[in-house]
Amino acid sequence: MNNPVKLQSIVEELEMQFEESRTFLSIKAGEIISVTSENLRAAEEEEPFDHLPEWEQEDRKVAIDVVENFENYKELPTKYEVNEYEIMEKFCLTVSDQSKQESLLRAIKEKGAFRRFKDKIIDFEMEEQWYSYRDECFKQIAIEWCQENKINFIK
């Protein structure tokens, strides 16, 4: 890899992934790009795109480069590989106050877990503690991903 990637750039991408797009690291440039699944599909099928607005043509060109030069890109972990529910559960287990811990663990059971969890951490005035823990988990995921893929990074 020619340029090291900023670890924080990877963390930010991991935190805000969308269903309809995939995120890649350009190994040569050390830059992170997001490509919609629609553009990747169109690039694979070699659909014409000269009729598209200029900004869409640029997006399609990026998708074409990813398809044609896939070896120059590494896909970042998807939101399914970054299991935020598991991160919440592990956080709950770090809470030393037994009643708060039990309340948080109950909050993350069944449908609506994320909303109930956030409400509880606000009630318990633990937002700063939670976000610090979450940030550290995402940072660790990014570091491990870089190491597994032999990606140079700067902190």
N, C-alpha and C. Protein backbone atom coordinates (compact mmCIF):
# COMPACT_ATOMS: atom_id res chain seq x y z
N MET A 1 0.85 -1.18 0.00
CA MET A 1 0.00 0.00 0.00
C MET A 1 0.88 1.23 0.00
N ASN A 2 0.59 2.15 -0.88
CA ASN A 2 1.42 3.34 -1.02
C ASN A 2 1.22 4.32 0.13
N ASN A 3 -0.02 4.59 0.48
CA ASN A 3 -0.33 5.57 1.52
C ASN A 3 -1.05 4.90 2.69
N PRO A 4 -0.59 5.17 3.91
CA PRO A 4 -1.32 4.61 5.06
C PRO A 4 -2.67 5.29 5.20
N VAL A 5 -3.62 4.55 5.72
CA VAL A 5 -4.96 5.07 5.90
C VAL A 5 -5.09 5.59 7.34
N LYS A 6 -5.88 6.62 7.51
CA LYS A 6 -6.14 7.13 8.85
C LYS A 6 -7.13 6.18 9.52
N LEU A 7 -6.74 5.68 10.68
CA LEU A 7 -7.59 4.75 11.41
C LEU A 7 -8.96 5.36 11.70
N GLN A 8 -8.99 6.64 12.03
CA GLN A 8 -10.26 7.31 12.33
C GLN A 8 -11.19 7.31 11.12
N SER A 9 -10.64 7.37 9.91
CA SER A 9 -11.47 7.31 8.71
C SER A 9 -12.19 5.97 8.61
N ILE A 10 -11.48 4.91 8.95
CA ILE A 10 -12.10 3.58 8.93
C ILE A 10 -13.19 3.50 10.00
N VAL A 11 -12.87 3.98 11.19
CA VAL A 11 -13.84 3.95 12.29
C VAL A 11 -15.11 4.69 11.90
N GLU A 12 -14.97 5.86 11.32
CA GLU A 12 -16.13 6.65 10.92
C GLU A 12 -16.99 5.91 9.89
N GLU A 13 -16.35 5.23 8.96
CA GLU A 13 -17.10 4.47 7.97
C GLU A 13 -17.81 3.27 8.60
N LEU A 14 -17.16 2.62 9.55
CA LEU A 14 -17.78 1.49 10.22
C LEU A 14 -19.02 1.92 10.98
N GLU A 15 -18.99 3.13 11.51
CA GLU A 15 -20.10 3.63 12.31
C GLU A 15 -21.32 4.01 11.48
N MET A 16 -21.12 4.33 10.22
CA MET A 16 -22.26 4.78 9.41
C MET A 16 -22.37 4.06 8.08
N GLN A 17 -22.60 2.80 8.15
CA GLN A 17 -22.77 2.01 6.94
C GLN A 17 -24.24 1.89 6.58
N PHE A 18 -24.49 1.79 5.29
CA PHE A 18 -25.85 1.70 4.79
C PHE A 18 -26.06 0.38 4.06
N GLU A 19 -27.27 -0.10 4.11
CA GLU A 19 -27.64 -1.36 3.46
C GLU A 19 -27.31 -1.37 1.97
N GLU A 20 -27.60 -0.26 1.30
CA GLU A 20 -27.52 -0.23 -0.16
C GLU A 20 -26.14 0.15 -0.71
N SER A 21 -25.12 0.17 0.16
CA SER A 21 -23.79 0.49 -0.36
C SER A 21 -22.74 -0.39 0.29
N ARG A 22 -21.59 -0.42 -0.36
CA ARG A 22 -20.43 -1.16 0.15
C ARG A 22 -19.27 -0.19 0.25
N THR A 23 -18.43 -0.41 1.23
CA THR A 23 -17.33 0.52 1.49
C THR A 23 -16.00 -0.20 1.28
N PHE A 24 -15.10 0.46 0.57
CA PHE A 24 -13.82 -0.12 0.22
C PHE A 24 -12.69 0.83 0.58
N LEU A 25 -11.53 0.25 0.80
CA LEU A 25 -10.30 1.02 0.93
C LEU A 25 -9.53 0.85 -0.36
N SER A 26 -9.19 1.98 -0.98
CA SER A 26 -8.30 1.95 -2.14
C SER A 26 -6.89 1.74 -1.59
N ILE A 27 -6.33 0.59 -1.87
CA ILE A 27 -5.02 0.24 -1.33
C ILE A 27 -3.95 1.22 -1.79
N LYS A 28 -4.00 1.61 -3.04
CA LYS A 28 -2.98 2.51 -3.58
C LYS A 28 -3.07 3.91 -3.01
N ALA A 29 -4.30 4.43 -2.91
CA ALA A 29 -4.47 5.82 -2.46
C ALA A 29 -4.60 5.95 -0.95
N GLY A 30 -4.96 4.87 -0.28
CA GLY A 30 -5.18 4.96 1.16
C GLY A 30 -6.46 5.71 1.49
N GLU A 31 -7.39 5.73 0.52
CA GLU A 31 -8.65 6.45 0.70
C GLU A 31 -9.81 5.48 0.76
N ILE A 32 -10.83 5.88 1.48
CA ILE A 32 -12.01 5.05 1.62
C ILE A 32 -13.09 5.58 0.69
N ILE A 33 -13.73 4.65 0.01
CA ILE A 33 -14.81 5.02 -0.91
C ILE A 33 -16.03 4.17 -0.62
N SER A 34 -17.19 4.75 -0.86
CA SER A 34 -18.44 4.01 -0.77
C SER A 34 -19.04 3.94 -2.16
N VAL A 35 -19.54 2.76 -2.47
CA VAL A 35 -20.13 2.53 -3.78
C VAL A 35 -21.50 1.88 -3.57
N THR A 36 -22.50 2.40 -4.25
CA THR A 36 -23.82 1.81 -4.08
C THR A 36 -23.85 0.44 -4.75
N SER A 37 -24.67 -0.42 -4.22
CA SER A 37 -24.83 -1.75 -4.81
C SER A 37 -25.36 -1.63 -6.24
N GLU A 38 -26.20 -0.64 -6.46
CA GLU A 38 -26.75 -0.41 -7.80
C GLU A 38 -25.64 -0.08 -8.80
N ASN A 39 -24.71 0.79 -8.42
CA ASN A 39 -23.61 1.14 -9.31
C ASN A 39 -22.66 -0.04 -9.54
N LEU A 40 -22.43 -0.83 -8.52
CA LEU A 40 -21.59 -2.02 -8.70
C LEU A 40 -22.25 -3.00 -9.67
N ARG A 41 -23.54 -3.20 -9.51
CA ARG A 41 -24.28 -4.10 -10.40
C ARG A 41 -24.23 -3.59 -11.84
N ALA A 42 -24.46 -2.28 -12.01
CA ALA A 42 -24.43 -1.69 -13.35
C ALA A 42 -23.03 -1.79 -13.95
N ALA A 43 -22.00 -1.62 -13.14
CA ALA A 43 -20.62 -1.74 -13.62
C ALA A 43 -20.33 -3.16 -14.07
N GLU A 44 -20.77 -4.14 -13.29
CA GLU A 44 -20.55 -5.54 -13.65
C GLU A 44 -21.27 -5.90 -14.94
N GLU A 45 -22.44 -5.32 -15.15
CA GLU A 45 -23.23 -5.61 -16.36
C GLU A 45 -22.88 -4.69 -17.51
N GLU A 46 -21.91 -3.80 -17.28
CA GLU A 46 -21.42 -2.86 -18.30
C GLU A 46 -22.53 -2.04 -18.92
N GLU A 47 -23.44 -1.58 -18.08
CA GLU A 47 -24.54 -0.73 -18.55
C GLU A 47 -24.00 0.63 -18.98
N PRO A 48 -24.53 1.18 -20.08
CA PRO A 48 -24.10 2.52 -20.51
C PRO A 48 -24.50 3.57 -19.46
N PHE A 49 -23.68 4.60 -19.33
CA PHE A 49 -23.98 5.61 -18.31
C PHE A 49 -23.76 7.05 -18.78
N ASP A 50 -23.53 7.24 -20.08
CA ASP A 50 -23.28 8.59 -20.59
C ASP A 50 -24.50 9.49 -20.52
N HIS A 51 -25.66 8.91 -20.32
CA HIS A 51 -26.89 9.69 -20.20
C HIS A 51 -27.13 10.21 -18.78
N LEU A 52 -26.33 9.74 -17.84
CA LEU A 52 -26.51 10.12 -16.43
C LEU A 52 -25.93 11.51 -16.16
N PRO A 53 -26.40 12.18 -15.12
CA PRO A 53 -25.78 13.46 -14.73
C PRO A 53 -24.31 13.24 -14.40
N GLU A 54 -23.54 14.30 -14.48
CA GLU A 54 -22.08 14.20 -14.31
C GLU A 54 -21.69 13.54 -12.98
N TRP A 55 -22.35 13.92 -11.88
CA TRP A 55 -21.98 13.35 -10.59
C TRP A 55 -22.24 11.85 -10.55
N GLU A 56 -23.30 11.39 -11.22
CA GLU A 56 -23.59 9.96 -11.26
C GLU A 56 -22.59 9.23 -12.15
N GLN A 57 -22.15 9.91 -13.22
CA GLN A 57 -21.12 9.31 -14.07
C GLN A 57 -19.84 9.10 -13.29
N GLU A 58 -19.48 10.06 -12.44
CA GLU A 58 -18.28 9.92 -11.60
C GLU A 58 -18.42 8.74 -10.65
N ASP A 59 -19.59 8.60 -10.03
CA ASP A 59 -19.84 7.47 -9.14
C ASP A 59 -19.73 6.16 -9.89
N ARG A 60 -20.26 6.12 -11.10
CA ARG A 60 -20.22 4.89 -11.90
C ARG A 60 -18.79 4.55 -12.28
N LYS A 61 -17.99 5.58 -12.60
CA LYS A 61 -16.58 5.33 -12.95
C LYS A 61 -15.83 4.71 -11.77
N VAL A 62 -16.13 5.16 -10.57
CA VAL A 62 -15.51 4.58 -9.37
C VAL A 62 -15.93 3.11 -9.25
N ALA A 63 -17.22 2.84 -9.46
CA ALA A 63 -17.72 1.47 -9.38
C ALA A 63 -17.06 0.59 -10.44
N ILE A 64 -16.88 1.11 -11.62
CA ILE A 64 -16.23 0.37 -12.70
C ILE A 64 -14.79 0.04 -12.30
N ASP A 65 -14.10 1.03 -11.71
CA ASP A 65 -12.72 0.78 -11.29
C ASP A 65 -12.67 -0.30 -10.22
N VAL A 66 -13.61 -0.30 -9.29
CA VAL A 66 -13.65 -1.33 -8.25
C VAL A 66 -13.85 -2.70 -8.90
N VAL A 67 -14.77 -2.79 -9.85
CA VAL A 67 -15.07 -4.07 -10.51
C VAL A 67 -13.87 -4.54 -11.33
N GLU A 68 -13.29 -3.63 -12.10
CA GLU A 68 -12.21 -4.02 -13.02
C GLU A 68 -10.86 -4.21 -12.31
N ASN A 69 -10.68 -3.55 -11.19
CA ASN A 69 -9.39 -3.61 -10.47
C ASN A 69 -9.61 -4.00 -9.01
N PHE A 70 -10.40 -5.02 -8.82
CA PHE A 70 -10.81 -5.43 -7.47
C PHE A 70 -9.62 -5.70 -6.55
N GLU A 71 -8.50 -6.13 -7.13
CA GLU A 71 -7.31 -6.43 -6.33
C GLU A 71 -6.72 -5.18 -5.68
N ASN A 72 -7.11 -3.99 -6.17
CA ASN A 72 -6.62 -2.73 -5.61
C ASN A 72 -7.49 -2.20 -4.48
N TYR A 73 -8.50 -2.98 -4.09
CA TYR A 73 -9.44 -2.55 -3.06
C TYR A 73 -9.63 -3.64 -2.01
N LYS A 74 -9.90 -3.21 -0.80
CA LYS A 74 -10.25 -4.11 0.29
C LYS A 74 -11.59 -3.63 0.83
N GLU A 75 -12.54 -4.55 0.92
CA GLU A 75 -13.85 -4.16 1.46
C GLU A 75 -13.77 -4.10 2.98
N LEU A 76 -14.29 -3.01 3.54
CA LEU A 76 -14.34 -2.87 4.99
C LEU A 76 -15.38 -3.83 5.56
N PRO A 77 -15.27 -4.16 6.83
CA PRO A 77 -16.29 -5.02 7.43
C PRO A 77 -17.67 -4.39 7.28
N THR A 78 -18.65 -5.22 7.01
CA THR A 78 -20.02 -4.72 6.85
C THR A 78 -20.65 -4.52 8.22
N LYS A 79 -21.81 -3.89 8.23
CA LYS A 79 -22.49 -3.68 9.50
C LYS A 79 -22.90 -4.99 10.14
N TYR A 80 -22.98 -6.04 9.35
CA TYR A 80 -23.31 -7.35 9.90
C TYR A 80 -22.09 -7.98 10.56
N GLU A 81 -20.92 -7.67 10.04
CA GLU A 81 -19.68 -8.16 10.65
C GLU A 81 -19.32 -7.36 11.90
N VAL A 82 -19.75 -6.10 11.93
CA VAL A 82 -19.58 -5.26 13.11
C VAL A 82 -20.88 -5.39 13.90
N ASN A 83 -20.89 -6.28 14.83
CA ASN A 83 -22.12 -6.62 15.55
C ASN A 83 -22.32 -5.65 16.71
N GLU A 84 -23.06 -4.57 16.44
CA GLU A 84 -23.25 -3.55 17.47
C GLU A 84 -24.08 -4.07 18.64
N TYR A 85 -24.95 -5.02 18.39
CA TYR A 85 -25.71 -5.61 19.49
C TYR A 85 -24.75 -6.28 20.48
N GLU A 86 -23.80 -7.01 19.95
CA GLU A 86 -22.81 -7.68 20.80
C GLU A 86 -21.99 -6.66 21.60
N ILE A 87 -21.67 -5.54 20.97
CA ILE A 87 -20.94 -4.48 21.65
C ILE A 87 -21.78 -3.94 22.81
N MET A 88 -23.07 -3.74 22.58
CA MET A 88 -23.96 -3.27 23.65
C MET A 88 -23.99 -4.28 24.79
N GLU A 89 -24.11 -5.54 24.45
CA GLU A 89 -24.19 -6.58 25.46
C GLU A 89 -22.90 -6.63 26.31
N LYS A 90 -21.77 -6.54 25.66
CA LYS A 90 -20.49 -6.55 26.38
C LYS A 90 -20.37 -5.31 27.27
N PHE A 91 -20.86 -4.19 26.77
CA PHE A 91 -20.84 -2.97 27.59
C PHE A 91 -21.66 -3.18 28.86
N CYS A 92 -22.85 -3.74 28.70
CA CYS A 92 -23.71 -3.99 29.86
C CYS A 92 -22.97 -4.78 30.92
N LEU A 93 -22.20 -5.75 30.50
CA LEU A 93 -21.48 -6.61 31.43
C LEU A 93 -20.33 -5.90 32.15
N THR A 94 -19.93 -4.73 31.62
CA THR A 94 -18.87 -3.96 32.28
C THR A 94 -19.41 -3.07 33.39
N VAL A 95 -20.71 -2.88 33.42
CA VAL A 95 -21.33 -1.99 34.41
C VAL A 95 -21.27 -2.66 35.79
N SER A 96 -20.62 -2.00 36.73
CA SER A 96 -20.39 -2.61 38.05
C SER A 96 -21.63 -2.58 38.95
N ASP A 97 -22.48 -1.59 38.77
CA ASP A 97 -23.71 -1.52 39.57
C ASP A 97 -24.66 -2.62 39.08
N GLN A 98 -24.88 -3.61 39.92
CA GLN A 98 -25.65 -4.80 39.54
C GLN A 98 -27.06 -4.46 39.05
N SER A 99 -27.75 -3.56 39.72
CA SER A 99 -29.13 -3.25 39.30
C SER A 99 -29.15 -2.53 37.95
N LYS A 100 -28.18 -1.65 37.72
CA LYS A 100 -28.09 -0.98 36.41
C LYS A 100 -27.74 -1.99 35.33
N GLN A 101 -26.81 -2.89 35.65
CA GLN A 101 -26.41 -3.91 34.68
C GLN A 101 -27.61 -4.76 34.28
N GLU A 102 -28.36 -5.22 35.25
CA GLU A 102 -29.53 -6.05 34.96
C GLU A 102 -30.58 -5.29 34.16
N SER A 103 -30.77 -4.03 34.50
CA SER A 103 -31.74 -3.20 33.78
C SER A 103 -31.30 -3.01 32.32
N LEU A 104 -30.02 -2.77 32.10
CA LEU A 104 -29.50 -2.62 30.73
C LEU A 104 -29.63 -3.93 29.95
N LEU A 105 -29.31 -5.04 30.60
CA LEU A 105 -29.42 -6.33 29.92
C LEU A 105 -30.88 -6.65 29.55
N ARG A 106 -31.81 -6.29 30.42
CA ARG A 106 -33.24 -6.48 30.09
C ARG A 106 -33.63 -5.59 28.92
N ALA A 107 -33.09 -4.38 28.88
CA ALA A 107 -33.45 -3.41 27.83
C ALA A 107 -33.05 -3.90 26.44
N ILE A 108 -32.00 -4.72 26.36
CA ILE A 108 -31.53 -5.12 25.02
C ILE A 108 -32.14 -6.44 24.55
N LYS A 109 -33.11 -6.93 25.26
CA LYS A 109 -33.78 -8.17 24.83
C LYS A 109 -34.95 -7.81 23.91
N GLU A 110 -35.14 -8.60 22.88
CA GLU A 110 -36.27 -8.51 21.96
C GLU A 110 -36.24 -7.26 21.08
N LYS A 111 -37.31 -7.06 20.35
CA LYS A 111 -37.42 -5.97 19.39
C LYS A 111 -37.35 -4.61 20.09
N GLY A 112 -36.70 -3.65 19.44
CA GLY A 112 -36.56 -2.32 20.00
C GLY A 112 -35.39 -2.17 20.96
N ALA A 113 -34.47 -3.14 20.93
CA ALA A 113 -33.36 -3.17 21.87
C ALA A 113 -32.50 -1.90 21.81
N PHE A 114 -32.20 -1.41 20.64
CA PHE A 114 -31.30 -0.26 20.52
C PHE A 114 -31.94 0.98 21.15
N ARG A 115 -33.21 1.20 20.88
CA ARG A 115 -33.91 2.37 21.43
C ARG A 115 -34.00 2.28 22.95
N ARG A 116 -34.39 1.12 23.45
CA ARG A 116 -34.50 0.95 24.91
C ARG A 116 -33.13 1.11 25.58
N PHE A 117 -32.10 0.56 24.95
CA PHE A 117 -30.75 0.68 25.50
C PHE A 117 -30.34 2.15 25.60
N LYS A 118 -30.56 2.90 24.53
CA LYS A 118 -30.18 4.32 24.53
C LYS A 118 -30.96 5.08 25.60
N ASP A 119 -32.25 4.76 25.73
CA ASP A 119 -33.05 5.41 26.78
C ASP A 119 -32.47 5.13 28.16
N LYS A 120 -32.06 3.89 28.39
CA LYS A 120 -31.51 3.51 29.70
C LYS A 120 -30.18 4.20 29.98
N ILE A 121 -29.31 4.27 28.99
CA ILE A 121 -28.02 4.91 29.27
C ILE A 121 -28.21 6.40 29.52
N ILE A 122 -29.24 6.99 28.93
CA ILE A 122 -29.56 8.40 29.21
C ILE A 122 -30.10 8.50 30.64
N ASP A 123 -31.04 7.61 30.99
CA ASP A 123 -31.59 7.61 32.36
C ASP A 123 -30.50 7.45 33.40
N PHE A 124 -29.54 6.59 33.14
CA PHE A 124 -28.46 6.31 34.09
C PHE A 124 -27.29 7.28 33.96
N GLU A 125 -27.42 8.26 33.04
CA GLU A 125 -26.37 9.25 32.78
C GLU A 125 -25.05 8.58 32.46
N MET A 126 -25.13 7.61 31.54
CA MET A 126 -23.95 6.83 31.14
C MET A 126 -23.59 7.03 29.67
N GLU A 127 -24.13 8.07 29.05
CA GLU A 127 -23.87 8.26 27.62
C GLU A 127 -22.39 8.36 27.31
N GLU A 128 -21.68 9.16 28.09
CA GLU A 128 -20.25 9.34 27.82
C GLU A 128 -19.49 8.02 27.97
N GLN A 129 -19.84 7.27 28.99
CA GLN A 129 -19.21 5.97 29.23
C GLN A 129 -19.50 5.01 28.07
N TRP A 130 -20.76 4.98 27.61
CA TRP A 130 -21.15 4.11 26.51
C TRP A 130 -20.43 4.48 25.22
N TYR A 131 -20.46 5.76 24.87
CA TYR A 131 -19.86 6.16 23.59
C TYR A 131 -18.34 5.99 23.59
N SER A 132 -17.73 6.18 24.74
CA SER A 132 -16.30 5.94 24.84
C SER A 132 -16.01 4.45 24.64
N TYR A 133 -16.79 3.60 25.27
CA TYR A 133 -16.64 2.15 25.12
C TYR A 133 -16.87 1.73 23.67
N ARG A 134 -17.94 2.23 23.08
CA ARG A 134 -18.29 1.91 21.69
C ARG A 134 -17.18 2.35 20.73
N ASP A 135 -16.69 3.58 20.92
CA ASP A 135 -15.61 4.09 20.07
C ASP A 135 -14.38 3.21 20.15
N GLU A 136 -14.07 2.77 21.36
CA GLU A 136 -12.89 1.91 21.54
C GLU A 136 -13.10 0.57 20.84
N CYS A 137 -14.30 0.03 20.89
CA CYS A 137 -14.60 -1.24 20.20
C CYS A 137 -14.45 -1.08 18.69
N PHE A 138 -14.99 0.00 18.14
CA PHE A 138 -14.88 0.24 16.71
C PHE A 138 -13.42 0.43 16.31
N LYS A 139 -12.67 1.12 17.15
CA LYS A 139 -11.25 1.33 16.87
C LYS A 139 -10.52 -0.02 16.84
N GLN A 140 -10.83 -0.90 17.79
CA GLN A 140 -10.19 -2.21 17.84
C GLN A 140 -10.56 -3.05 16.61
N ILE A 141 -11.81 -2.98 16.19
CA ILE A 141 -12.25 -3.69 14.98
C ILE A 141 -11.45 -3.18 13.77
N ALA A 142 -11.28 -1.86 13.68
CA ALA A 142 -10.54 -1.27 12.57
C ALA A 142 -9.08 -1.71 12.59
N ILE A 143 -8.48 -1.72 13.76
CA ILE A 143 -7.07 -2.14 13.88
C ILE A 143 -6.92 -3.59 13.45
N GLU A 144 -7.79 -4.46 13.95
CA GLU A 144 -7.71 -5.88 13.60
C GLU A 144 -7.92 -6.08 12.10
N TRP A 145 -8.86 -5.33 11.51
CA TRP A 145 -9.10 -5.43 10.07
C TRP A 145 -7.84 -5.02 9.29
N CYS A 146 -7.22 -3.93 9.71
CA CYS A 146 -5.99 -3.47 9.04
C CYS A 146 -4.89 -4.53 9.16
N GLN A 147 -4.72 -5.09 10.33
CA GLN A 147 -3.69 -6.09 10.53
C GLN A 147 -3.96 -7.34 9.70
N GLU A 148 -5.20 -7.80 9.68
CA GLU A 148 -5.56 -8.99 8.89
C GLU A 148 -5.31 -8.78 7.40
N ASN A 149 -5.51 -7.54 6.95
CA ASN A 149 -5.37 -7.24 5.52
C ASN A 149 -4.04 -6.59 5.18
N LYS A 150 -3.12 -6.56 6.16
CA LYS A 150 -1.79 -5.98 5.96
C LYS A 150 -1.87 -4.54 5.45
N ILE A 151 -2.74 -3.76 6.09
CA ILE A 151 -2.96 -2.36 5.73
C ILE A 151 -2.20 -1.49 6.72
N ASN A 152 -1.36 -0.60 6.21
CA ASN A 152 -0.66 0.35 7.07
C ASN A 152 -1.65 1.45 7.48
N PHE A 153 -1.60 1.81 8.74
CA PHE A 153 -2.52 2.85 9.21
C PHE A 153 -1.80 3.79 10.16
N ILE A 154 -2.37 4.97 10.28
CA ILE A 154 -1.86 5.95 11.23
C ILE A 154 -3.02 6.29 12.18
N LYS A 155 -2.67 6.52 13.42
CA LYS A 155 -3.69 6.79 14.44
C LYS A 155 -4.11 8.21 14.47
